[in-house]
Amino acid sequence: MRTVIARLFNLERHEATAVIAGFGMFLLLFAGFFMLRPVRETMGVAGGVDNLPWMFTATFVGVLVAMPVFGWVAARVARRRILYWTFGYVVATLLLFAAGMTILP
């Protein structure tokens, strides 16, 4: 017998693991975002309030460039490989920022 949640989301038995994993990844993504947000804002204020518009502009331009590149890659590469590349990139970036903040506090 299907549960209420399975009926609500039209979930098949073989899809449950993928849905739970996806929900977990989504939860971890937002948990990481909310953990890094105060650090980002503190670094922005420490860099000078006058520099904040440039930091936001640089972030916007970076995303504006990265999204079409990611879309191009996603259209040509298997999703399983993209997942590992994306996680690897995020982990490498976080490690580089941690090293940079350790070396130059």
PDB file of N, CA and C in Angstrom:
ATOM      1  N   MET A   1       0.843  -1.185   0.000  1.00  0.00           N
ATOM      2  CA  MET A   1       0.000   0.000   0.000  1.00  0.00           C
ATOM      3  C   MET A   1       0.883   1.241   0.000  1.00  0.00           C
ATOM      4  N   ARG A   2       0.541   2.174  -0.835  1.00  0.00           N
ATOM      5  CA  ARG A   2       1.322   3.404  -0.950  1.00  0.00           C
ATOM      6  C   ARG A   2       0.967   4.364   0.180  1.00  0.00           C
ATOM      7  N   THR A   3       1.961   5.061   0.663  1.00  0.00           N
ATOM      8  CA  THR A   3       1.734   6.023   1.740  1.00  0.00           C
ATOM      9  C   THR A   3       1.135   7.307   1.176  1.00  0.00           C
ATOM     10  N   VAL A   4       0.738   8.167   2.072  1.00  0.00           N
ATOM     11  CA  VAL A   4       0.147   9.442   1.672  1.00  0.00           C
ATOM     12  C   VAL A   4       1.175  10.270   0.898  1.00  0.00           C
ATOM     13  N   ILE A   5       2.416  10.296   1.373  1.00  0.00           N
ATOM     14  CA  ILE A   5       3.465  11.065   0.697  1.00  0.00           C
ATOM     15  C   ILE A   5       3.736  10.506  -0.691  1.00  0.00           C
ATOM     16  N   ALA A   6       3.773   9.188  -0.802  1.00  0.00           N
ATOM     17  CA  ALA A   6       4.003   8.579  -2.112  1.00  0.00           C
ATOM     18  C   ALA A   6       2.878   8.935  -3.073  1.00  0.00           C
ATOM     19  N   ARG A   7       1.649   8.930  -2.603  1.00  0.00           N
ATOM     20  CA  ARG A   7       0.524   9.314  -3.458  1.00  0.00           C
ATOM     21  C   ARG A   7       0.545  10.799  -3.784  1.00  0.00           C
ATOM     22  N   LEU A   8       0.917  11.605  -2.812  1.00  0.00           N
ATOM     23  CA  LEU A   8       0.949  13.050  -3.010  1.00  0.00           C
ATOM     24  C   LEU A   8       1.956  13.443  -4.087  1.00  0.00           C
ATOM     25  N   PHE A   9       3.114  12.806  -4.082  1.00  0.00           N
ATOM     26  CA  PHE A   9       4.167  13.136  -5.044  1.00  0.00           C
ATOM     27  C   PHE A   9       4.252  12.150  -6.207  1.00  0.00           C
ATOM     28  N   ASN A  10       3.296  11.220  -6.287  1.00  0.00           N
ATOM     29  CA  ASN A  10       3.287  10.212  -7.351  1.00  0.00           C
ATOM     30  C   ASN A  10       4.624   9.468  -7.390  1.00  0.00           C
ATOM     31  N   LEU A  11       5.045   8.992  -6.239  1.00  0.00           N
ATOM     32  CA  LEU A  11       6.343   8.371  -6.048  1.00  0.00           C
ATOM     33  C   LEU A  11       6.227   6.855  -6.161  1.00  0.00           C
ATOM     34  N   GLU A  12       7.024   6.275  -7.023  1.00  0.00           N
ATOM     35  CA  GLU A  12       7.089   4.818  -7.153  1.00  0.00           C
ATOM     36  C   GLU A  12       8.088   4.259  -6.135  1.00  0.00           C
ATOM     37  N   ARG A  13       7.958   2.988  -5.828  1.00  0.00           N
ATOM     38  CA  ARG A  13       8.807   2.361  -4.817  1.00  0.00           C
ATOM     39  C   ARG A  13      10.288   2.458  -5.181  1.00  0.00           C
ATOM     40  N   HIS A  14      10.641   2.258  -6.439  1.00  0.00           N
ATOM     41  CA  HIS A  14      12.050   2.269  -6.849  1.00  0.00           C
ATOM     42  C   HIS A  14      12.636   3.686  -6.899  1.00  0.00           C
ATOM     43  N   GLU A  15      11.807   4.714  -6.770  1.00  0.00           N
ATOM     44  CA  GLU A  15      12.276   6.095  -6.809  1.00  0.00           C
ATOM     45  C   GLU A  15      12.582   6.662  -5.425  1.00  0.00           C
ATOM     46  N   ALA A  16      12.213   5.939  -4.389  1.00  0.00           N
ATOM     47  CA  ALA A  16      12.323   6.471  -3.024  1.00  0.00           C
ATOM     48  C   ALA A  16      13.760   6.825  -2.659  1.00  0.00           C
ATOM     49  N   THR A  17      14.718   5.985  -2.976  1.00  0.00           N
ATOM     50  CA  THR A  17      16.114   6.254  -2.616  1.00  0.00           C
ATOM     51  C   THR A  17      16.620   7.528  -3.277  1.00  0.00           C
ATOM     52  N   ALA A  18      16.326   7.698  -4.552  1.00  0.00           N
ATOM     53  CA  ALA A  18      16.772   8.898  -5.262  1.00  0.00           C
ATOM     54  C   ALA A  18      16.099  10.153  -4.711  1.00  0.00           C
ATOM     55  N   VAL A  19      14.841  10.066  -4.366  1.00  0.00           N
ATOM     56  CA  VAL A  19      14.131  11.228  -3.825  1.00  0.00           C
ATOM     57  C   VAL A  19      14.693  11.593  -2.455  1.00  0.00           C
ATOM     58  N   ILE A  20      14.942  10.615  -1.619  1.00  0.00           N
ATOM     59  CA  ILE A  20      15.509  10.887  -0.292  1.00  0.00           C
ATOM     60  C   ILE A  20      16.912  11.469  -0.422  1.00  0.00           C
ATOM     61  N   ALA A  21      17.723  10.919  -1.329  1.00  0.00           N
ATOM     62  CA  ALA A  21      19.069  11.455  -1.547  1.00  0.00           C
ATOM     63  C   ALA A  21      19.012  12.883  -2.071  1.00  0.00           C
ATOM     64  N   GLY A  22      18.109  13.152  -3.001  1.00  0.00           N
ATOM     65  CA  GLY A  22      17.955  14.503  -3.522  1.00  0.00           C
ATOM     66  C   GLY A  22      17.528  15.491  -2.452  1.00  0.00           C
ATOM     67  N   PHE A  23      16.598  15.072  -1.614  1.00  0.00           N
ATOM     68  CA  PHE A  23      16.166  15.932  -0.512  1.00  0.00           C
ATOM     69  C   PHE A  23      17.321  16.196   0.443  1.00  0.00           C
ATOM     70  N   GLY A  24      18.099  15.159   0.735  1.00  0.00           N
ATOM     71  CA  GLY A  24      19.258  15.316   1.618  1.00  0.00           C
ATOM     72  C   GLY A  24      20.287  16.278   1.046  1.00  0.00           C
ATOM     73  N   MET A  25      20.550  16.167  -0.245  1.00  0.00           N
ATOM     74  CA  MET A  25      21.512  17.066  -0.892  1.00  0.00           C
ATOM     75  C   MET A  25      20.997  18.501  -0.870  1.00  0.00           C
ATOM     76  N   PHE A  26      19.720  18.683  -1.121  1.00  0.00           N
ATOM     77  CA  PHE A  26      19.113  20.012  -1.070  1.00  0.00           C
ATOM     78  C   PHE A  26      19.229  20.595   0.330  1.00  0.00           C
ATOM     79  N   LEU A  27      18.960  19.786   1.341  1.00  0.00           N
ATOM     80  CA  LEU A  27      19.067  20.213   2.729  1.00  0.00           C
ATOM     81  C   LEU A  27      20.501  20.607   3.061  1.00  0.00           C
ATOM     82  N   LEU A  28      21.476  19.800   2.650  1.00  0.00           N
ATOM     83  CA  LEU A  28      22.874  20.116   2.904  1.00  0.00           C
ATOM     84  C   LEU A  28      23.327  21.373   2.165  1.00  0.00           C
ATOM     85  N   LEU A  29      22.828  21.577   0.957  1.00  0.00           N
ATOM     86  CA  LEU A  29      23.159  22.778   0.199  1.00  0.00           C
ATOM     87  C   LEU A  29      22.741  24.024   0.968  1.00  0.00           C
ATOM     88  N   PHE A  30      21.505  24.044   1.443  1.00  0.00           N
ATOM     89  CA  PHE A  30      21.031  25.209   2.174  1.00  0.00           C
ATOM     90  C   PHE A  30      21.680  25.330   3.542  1.00  0.00           C
ATOM     91  N   ALA A  31      21.986  24.219   4.189  1.00  0.00           N
ATOM     92  CA  ALA A  31      22.704  24.293   5.465  1.00  0.00           C
ATOM     93  C   ALA A  31      24.081  24.919   5.259  1.00  0.00           C
ATOM     94  N   GLY A  32      24.772  24.515   4.196  1.00  0.00           N
ATOM     95  CA  GLY A  32      26.072  25.109   3.886  1.00  0.00           C
ATOM     96  C   GLY A  32      25.958  26.583   3.565  1.00  0.00           C
ATOM     97  N   PHE A  33      24.929  26.949   2.823  1.00  0.00           N
ATOM     98  CA  PHE A  33      24.719  28.353   2.478  1.00  0.00           C
ATOM     99  C   PHE A  33      24.524  29.192   3.730  1.00  0.00           C
ATOM    100  N   PHE A  34      23.697  28.725   4.649  1.00  0.00           N
ATOM    101  CA  PHE A  34      23.431  29.502   5.851  1.00  0.00           C
ATOM    102  C   PHE A  34      24.609  29.500   6.811  1.00  0.00           C
ATOM    103  N   MET A  35      25.494  28.517   6.721  1.00  0.00           N
ATOM    104  CA  MET A  35      26.708  28.540   7.532  1.00  0.00           C
ATOM    105  C   MET A  35      27.743  29.503   6.954  1.00  0.00           C
ATOM    106  N   LEU A  36      27.826  29.587   5.630  1.00  0.00           N
ATOM    107  CA  LEU A  36      28.822  30.442   4.993  1.00  0.00           C
ATOM    108  C   LEU A  36      28.372  31.898   4.874  1.00  0.00           C
ATOM    109  N   ARG A  37      27.108  32.141   4.948  1.00  0.00           N
ATOM    110  CA  ARG A  37      26.592  33.499   4.770  1.00  0.00           C
ATOM    111  C   ARG A  37      27.181  34.501   5.763  1.00  0.00           C
ATOM    112  N   PRO A  38      27.225  34.204   7.075  1.00  0.00           N
ATOM    113  CA  PRO A  38      27.827  35.169   8.004  1.00  0.00           C
ATOM    114  C   PRO A  38      29.313  35.395   7.716  1.00  0.00           C
ATOM    115  N   VAL A  39      30.010  34.365   7.289  1.00  0.00           N
ATOM    116  CA  VAL A  39      31.428  34.503   6.960  1.00  0.00           C
ATOM    117  C   VAL A  39      31.585  35.433   5.761  1.00  0.00           C
ATOM    118  N   ARG A  40      30.746  35.245   4.750  1.00  0.00           N
ATOM    119  CA  ARG A  40      30.793  36.092   3.564  1.00  0.00           C
ATOM    120  C   ARG A  40      30.533  37.553   3.919  1.00  0.00           C
ATOM    121  N   GLU A  41      29.523  37.787   4.742  1.00  0.00           N
ATOM    122  CA  GLU A  41      29.189  39.155   5.104  1.00  0.00           C
ATOM    123  C   GLU A  41      30.269  39.789   5.965  1.00  0.00           C
ATOM    124  N   THR A  42      30.865  39.018   6.861  1.00  0.00           N
ATOM    125  CA  THR A  42      31.957  39.539   7.689  1.00  0.00           C
ATOM    126  C   THR A  42      33.158  39.885   6.829  1.00  0.00           C
ATOM    127  N   MET A  43      33.484  39.020   5.863  1.00  0.00           N
ATOM    128  CA  MET A  43      34.596  39.316   4.965  1.00  0.00           C
ATOM    129  C   MET A  43      34.302  40.562   4.133  1.00  0.00           C
ATOM    130  N   GLY A  44      33.072  40.723   3.731  1.00  0.00           N
ATOM    131  CA  GLY A  44      32.705  41.906   2.951  1.00  0.00           C
ATOM    132  C   GLY A  44      32.850  43.184   3.744  1.00  0.00           C
ATOM    133  N   VAL A  45      32.407  43.161   4.999  1.00  0.00           N
ATOM    134  CA  VAL A  45      32.520  44.346   5.842  1.00  0.00           C
ATOM    135  C   VAL A  45      33.986  44.600   6.183  1.00  0.00           C
ATOM    136  N   ALA A  46      34.751  43.535   6.447  1.00  0.00           N
ATOM    137  CA  ALA A  46      36.174  43.696   6.760  1.00  0.00           C
ATOM    138  C   ALA A  46      36.933  44.252   5.553  1.00  0.00           C
ATOM    139  N   GLY A  47      36.494  43.928   4.347  1.00  0.00           N
ATOM    140  CA  GLY A  47      37.128  44.449   3.140  1.00  0.00           C
ATOM    141  C   GLY A  47      36.784  45.898   2.867  1.00  0.00           C
ATOM    142  N   GLY A  48      35.850  46.432   3.606  1.00  0.00           N
ATOM    143  CA  GLY A  48      35.457  47.829   3.438  1.00  0.00           C
ATOM    144  C   GLY A  48      34.071  47.926   2.836  1.00  0.00           C
ATOM    145  N   VAL A  49      33.227  48.687   3.487  1.00  0.00           N
ATOM    146  CA  VAL A  49      31.843  48.839   3.034  1.00  0.00           C
ATOM    147  C   VAL A  49      31.800  49.478   1.645  1.00  0.00           C
ATOM    148  N   ASP A  50      32.796  50.314   1.343  1.00  0.00           N
ATOM    149  CA  ASP A  50      32.830  50.953   0.022  1.00  0.00           C
ATOM    150  C   ASP A  50      33.078  49.957  -1.098  1.00  0.00           C
ATOM    151  N   ASN A  51      33.658  48.798  -0.775  1.00  0.00           N
ATOM    152  CA  ASN A  51      33.948  47.781  -1.788  1.00  0.00           C
ATOM    153  C   ASN A  51      32.794  46.808  -2.017  1.00  0.00           C
ATOM    154  N   LEU A  52      31.757  46.865  -1.183  1.00  0.00           N
ATOM    155  CA  LEU A  52      30.640  45.918  -1.312  1.00  0.00           C
ATOM    156  C   LEU A  52      29.975  45.940  -2.684  1.00  0.00           C
ATOM    157  N   PRO A  53      29.704  47.117  -3.288  1.00  0.00           N
ATOM    158  CA  PRO A  53      29.088  47.079  -4.613  1.00  0.00           C
ATOM    159  C   PRO A  53      29.954  46.338  -5.643  1.00  0.00           C
ATOM    160  N   TRP A  54      31.262  46.494  -5.552  1.00  0.00           N
ATOM    161  CA  TRP A  54      32.145  45.793  -6.491  1.00  0.00           C
ATOM    162  C   TRP A  54      32.139  44.288  -6.237  1.00  0.00           C
ATOM    163  N   MET A  55      32.053  43.899  -4.963  1.00  0.00           N
ATOM    164  CA  MET A  55      32.003  42.467  -4.648  1.00  0.00           C
ATOM    165  C   MET A  55      30.721  41.840  -5.197  1.00  0.00           C
ATOM    166  N   PHE A  56      29.604  42.533  -5.025  1.00  0.00           N
ATOM    167  CA  PHE A  56      28.337  42.016  -5.552  1.00  0.00           C
ATOM    168  C   PHE A  56      28.355  41.982  -7.075  1.00  0.00           C
ATOM    169  N   THR A  57      28.954  43.006  -7.681  1.00  0.00           N
ATOM    170  CA  THR A  57      29.050  43.040  -9.146  1.00  0.00           C
ATOM    171  C   THR A  57      29.927  41.903  -9.654  1.00  0.00           C
ATOM    172  N   ALA A  58      31.045  41.653  -8.987  1.00  0.00           N
ATOM    173  CA  ALA A  58      31.936  40.559  -9.386  1.00  0.00           C
ATOM    174  C   ALA A  58      31.234  39.206  -9.243  1.00  0.00           C
ATOM    175  N   THR A  59      30.462  39.047  -8.176  1.00  0.00           N
ATOM    176  CA  THR A  59      29.704  37.800  -7.993  1.00  0.00           C
ATOM    177  C   THR A  59      28.679  37.637  -9.108  1.00  0.00           C
ATOM    178  N   PHE A  60      27.978  38.701  -9.432  1.00  0.00           N
ATOM    179  CA  PHE A  60      26.974  38.659 -10.497  1.00  0.00           C
ATOM    180  C   PHE A  60      27.611  38.292 -11.835  1.00  0.00           C
ATOM    181  N   VAL A  61      28.723  38.930 -12.166  1.00  0.00           N
ATOM    182  CA  VAL A  61      29.399  38.651 -13.434  1.00  0.00           C
ATOM    183  C   VAL A  61      29.924  37.214 -13.447  1.00  0.00           C
ATOM    184  N   GLY A  62      30.460  36.763 -12.318  1.00  0.00           N
ATOM    185  CA  GLY A  62      30.945  35.375 -12.239  1.00  0.00           C
ATOM    186  C   GLY A  62      29.844  34.365 -12.509  1.00  0.00           C
ATOM    187  N   VAL A  63      28.687  34.577 -11.905  1.00  0.00           N
ATOM    188  CA  VAL A  63      27.549  33.683 -12.130  1.00  0.00           C
ATOM    189  C   VAL A  63      27.047  33.806 -13.562  1.00  0.00           C
ATOM    190  N   LEU A  64      27.029  35.018 -14.083  1.00  0.00           N
ATOM    191  CA  LEU A  64      26.591  35.249 -15.453  1.00  0.00           C
ATOM    192  C   LEU A  64      27.468  34.507 -16.465  1.00  0.00           C
ATOM    193  N   VAL A  65      28.746  34.384 -16.175  1.00  0.00           N
ATOM    194  CA  VAL A  65      29.663  33.641 -17.043  1.00  0.00           C
ATOM    195  C   VAL A  65      29.553  32.141 -16.792  1.00  0.00           C
ATOM    196  N   ALA A  66      29.439  31.744 -15.517  1.00  0.00           N
ATOM    197  CA  ALA A  66      29.459  30.323 -15.165  1.00  0.00           C
ATOM    198  C   ALA A  66      28.208  29.573 -15.623  1.00  0.00           C
ATOM    199  N   MET A  67      27.053  30.203 -15.586  1.00  0.00           N
ATOM    200  CA  MET A  67      25.818  29.488 -15.918  1.00  0.00           C
ATOM    201  C   MET A  67      25.761  28.999 -17.360  1.00  0.00           C
ATOM    202  N   PRO A  68      26.099  29.809 -18.360  1.00  0.00           N
ATOM    203  CA  PRO A  68      26.097  29.270 -19.727  1.00  0.00           C
ATOM    204  C   PRO A  68      27.140  28.176 -19.920  1.00  0.00           C
ATOM    205  N   VAL A  69      28.286  28.307 -19.254  1.00  0.00           N
ATOM    206  CA  VAL A  69      29.316  27.264 -19.345  1.00  0.00           C
ATOM    207  C   VAL A  69      28.788  25.973 -18.746  1.00  0.00           C
ATOM    208  N   PHE A  70      28.141  26.073 -17.585  1.00  0.00           N
ATOM    209  CA  PHE A  70      27.565  24.886 -16.956  1.00  0.00           C
ATOM    210  C   PHE A  70      26.473  24.280 -17.837  1.00  0.00           C
ATOM    211  N   GLY A  71      25.637  25.106 -18.441  1.00  0.00           N
ATOM    212  CA  GLY A  71      24.594  24.617 -19.339  1.00  0.00           C
ATOM    213  C   GLY A  71      25.178  23.904 -20.547  1.00  0.00           C
ATOM    214  N   TRP A  72      26.250  24.461 -21.095  1.00  0.00           N
ATOM    215  CA  TRP A  72      26.917  23.837 -22.238  1.00  0.00           C
ATOM    216  C   TRP A  72      27.484  22.471 -21.855  1.00  0.00           C
ATOM    217  N   VAL A  73      28.134  22.413 -20.686  1.00  0.00           N
ATOM    218  CA  VAL A  73      28.693  21.140 -20.222  1.00  0.00           C
ATOM    219  C   VAL A  73      27.574  20.142 -19.930  1.00  0.00           C
ATOM    220  N   ALA A  74      26.504  20.596 -19.295  1.00  0.00           N
ATOM    221  CA  ALA A  74      25.400  19.707 -18.930  1.00  0.00           C
ATOM    222  C   ALA A  74      24.721  19.107 -20.154  1.00  0.00           C
ATOM    223  N   ALA A  75      24.741  19.819 -21.273  1.00  0.00           N
ATOM    224  CA  ALA A  75      24.127  19.304 -22.493  1.00  0.00           C
ATOM    225  C   ALA A  75      24.980  18.231 -23.159  1.00  0.00           C
ATOM    226  N   ARG A  76      26.255  18.136 -22.785  1.00  0.00           N
ATOM    227  CA  ARG A  76      27.164  17.229 -23.475  1.00  0.00           C
ATOM    228  C   ARG A  76      27.758  16.122 -22.615  1.00  0.00           C
ATOM    229  N   VAL A  77      27.572  16.190 -21.311  1.00  0.00           N
ATOM    230  CA  VAL A  77      28.211  15.239 -20.400  1.00  0.00           C
ATOM    231  C   VAL A  77      27.142  14.540 -19.563  1.00  0.00           C
ATOM    232  N   ALA A  78      27.388  13.297 -19.217  1.00  0.00           N
ATOM    233  CA  ALA A  78      26.442  12.537 -18.387  1.00  0.00           C
ATOM    234  C   ALA A  78      26.269  13.208 -17.028  1.00  0.00           C
ATOM    235  N   ARG A  79      25.063  13.171 -16.514  1.00  0.00           N
ATOM    236  CA  ARG A  79      24.760  13.846 -15.251  1.00  0.00           C
ATOM    237  C   ARG A  79      25.578  13.310 -14.093  1.00  0.00           C
ATOM    238  N   ARG A  80      25.851  12.020 -14.073  1.00  0.00           N
ATOM    239  CA  ARG A  80      26.647  11.456 -12.979  1.00  0.00           C
ATOM    240  C   ARG A  80      28.025  12.095 -12.904  1.00  0.00           C
ATOM    241  N   ARG A  81      28.624  12.322 -14.048  1.00  0.00           N
ATOM    242  CA  ARG A  81      29.952  12.931 -14.069  1.00  0.00           C
ATOM    243  C   ARG A  81      29.895  14.388 -13.654  1.00  0.00           C
ATOM    244  N   ILE A  82      28.848  15.105 -14.077  1.00  0.00           N
ATOM    245  CA  ILE A  82      28.712  16.512 -13.716  1.00  0.00           C
ATOM    246  C   ILE A  82      28.583  16.662 -12.203  1.00  0.00           C
ATOM    247  N   LEU A  83      27.851  15.767 -11.569  1.00  0.00           N
ATOM    248  CA  LEU A  83      27.664  15.833 -10.127  1.00  0.00           C
ATOM    249  C   LEU A  83      29.005  15.779  -9.411  1.00  0.00           C
ATOM    250  N   TYR A  84      29.856  14.828  -9.775  1.00  0.00           N
ATOM    251  CA  TYR A  84      31.163  14.701  -9.136  1.00  0.00           C
ATOM    252  C   TYR A  84      32.046  15.904  -9.446  1.00  0.00           C
ATOM    253  N   TRP A  85      32.014  16.394 -10.667  1.00  0.00           N
ATOM    254  CA  TRP A  85      32.814  17.573 -11.026  1.00  0.00           C
ATOM    255  C   TRP A  85      32.355  18.793 -10.236  1.00  0.00           C
ATOM    256  N   THR A  86      31.050  18.968 -10.134  1.00  0.00           N
ATOM    257  CA  THR A  86      30.517  20.125  -9.416  1.00  0.00           C
ATOM    258  C   THR A  86      30.884  20.065  -7.941  1.00  0.00           C
ATOM    259  N   PHE A  87      30.694  18.915  -7.313  1.00  0.00           N
ATOM    260  CA  PHE A  87      31.064  18.780  -5.899  1.00  0.00           C
ATOM    261  C   PHE A  87      32.562  18.969  -5.710  1.00  0.00           C
ATOM    262  N   GLY A  88      33.342  18.405  -6.615  1.00  0.00           N
ATOM    263  CA  GLY A  88      34.795  18.569  -6.529  1.00  0.00           C
ATOM    264  C   GLY A  88      35.204  20.025  -6.633  1.00  0.00           C
ATOM    265  N   TYR A  89      34.577  20.750  -7.538  1.00  0.00           N
ATOM    266  CA  TYR A  89      34.873  22.176  -7.701  1.00  0.00           C
ATOM    267  C   TYR A  89      34.508  22.957  -6.436  1.00  0.00           C
ATOM    268  N   VAL A  90      33.349  22.688  -5.876  1.00  0.00           N
ATOM    269  CA  VAL A  90      32.919  23.395  -4.670  1.00  0.00           C
ATOM    270  C   VAL A  90      33.852  23.081  -3.508  1.00  0.00           C
ATOM    271  N   VAL A  91      34.213  21.822  -3.335  1.00  0.00           N
ATOM    272  CA  VAL A  91      35.126  21.436  -2.254  1.00  0.00           C
ATOM    273  C   VAL A  91      36.484  22.100  -2.451  1.00  0.00           C
ATOM    274  N   ALA A  92      37.004  22.073  -3.678  1.00  0.00           N
ATOM    275  CA  ALA A  92      38.302  22.703  -3.946  1.00  0.00           C
ATOM    276  C   ALA A  92      38.251  24.204  -3.664  1.00  0.00           C
ATOM    277  N   THR A  93      37.177  24.855  -4.056  1.00  0.00           N
ATOM    278  CA  THR A  93      37.040  26.288  -3.808  1.00  0.00           C
ATOM    279  C   THR A  93      37.007  26.586  -2.314  1.00  0.00           C
ATOM    280  N   LEU A  94      36.237  25.809  -1.562  1.00  0.00           N
ATOM    281  CA  LEU A  94      36.168  26.025  -0.122  1.00  0.00           C
ATOM    282  C   LEU A  94      37.514  25.780   0.545  1.00  0.00           C
ATOM    283  N   LEU A  95      38.238  24.760   0.099  1.00  0.00           N
ATOM    284  CA  LEU A  95      39.567  24.498   0.657  1.00  0.00           C
ATOM    285  C   LEU A  95      40.542  25.622   0.332  1.00  0.00           C
ATOM    286  N   LEU A  96      40.452  26.168  -0.883  1.00  0.00           N
ATOM    287  CA  LEU A  96      41.317  27.295  -1.242  1.00  0.00           C
ATOM    288  C   LEU A  96      41.006  28.534  -0.404  1.00  0.00           C
ATOM    289  N   PHE A  97      39.732  28.804  -0.184  1.00  0.00           N
ATOM    290  CA  PHE A  97      39.374  29.934   0.671  1.00  0.00           C
ATOM    291  C   PHE A  97      39.836  29.707   2.110  1.00  0.00           C
ATOM    292  N   ALA A  98      39.679  28.469   2.608  1.00  0.00           N
ATOM    293  CA  ALA A  98      40.140  28.171   3.968  1.00  0.00           C
ATOM    294  C   ALA A  98      41.652  28.343   4.076  1.00  0.00           C
ATOM    295  N   ALA A  99      42.394  27.870   3.072  1.00  0.00           N
ATOM    296  CA  ALA A  99      43.849  28.033   3.084  1.00  0.00           C
ATOM    297  C   ALA A  99      44.217  29.504   3.005  1.00  0.00           C
ATOM    298  N   GLY A 100      43.530  30.244   2.136  1.00  0.00           N
ATOM    299  CA  GLY A 100      43.808  31.673   2.007  1.00  0.00           C
ATOM    300  C   GLY A 100      43.537  32.430   3.297  1.00  0.00           C
ATOM    301  N   MET A 101      42.465  32.089   3.994  1.00  0.00           N
ATOM    302  CA  MET A 101      42.155  32.776   5.238  1.00  0.00           C
ATOM    303  C   MET A 101      43.105  32.365   6.351  1.00  0.00           C
ATOM    304  N   THR A 102      43.662  31.163   6.268  1.00  0.00           N
ATOM    305  CA  THR A 102      44.633  30.719   7.254  1.00  0.00           C
ATOM    306  C   THR A 102      45.985  31.405   7.033  1.00  0.00           C
ATOM    307  N   ILE A 103      46.382  31.509   5.779  1.00  0.00           N
ATOM    308  CA  ILE A 103      47.672  32.122   5.451  1.00  0.00           C
ATOM    309  C   ILE A 103      47.624  33.636   5.630  1.00  0.00           C
ATOM    310  N   LEU A 104      46.559  34.256   5.134  1.00  0.00           N
ATOM    311  CA  LEU A 104      46.384  35.719   5.223  1.00  0.00           C
ATOM    312  C   LEU A 104      45.087  36.037   5.976  1.00  0.00           C
ATOM    313  N   PRO A 105      45.112  35.951   7.307  1.00  0.00           N
ATOM    314  CA  PRO A 105      43.858  36.171   8.047  1.00  0.00           C
ATOM    315  C   PRO A 105      43.315  37.580   7.905  1.00  0.00           C
TER     316      PRO A 105
END
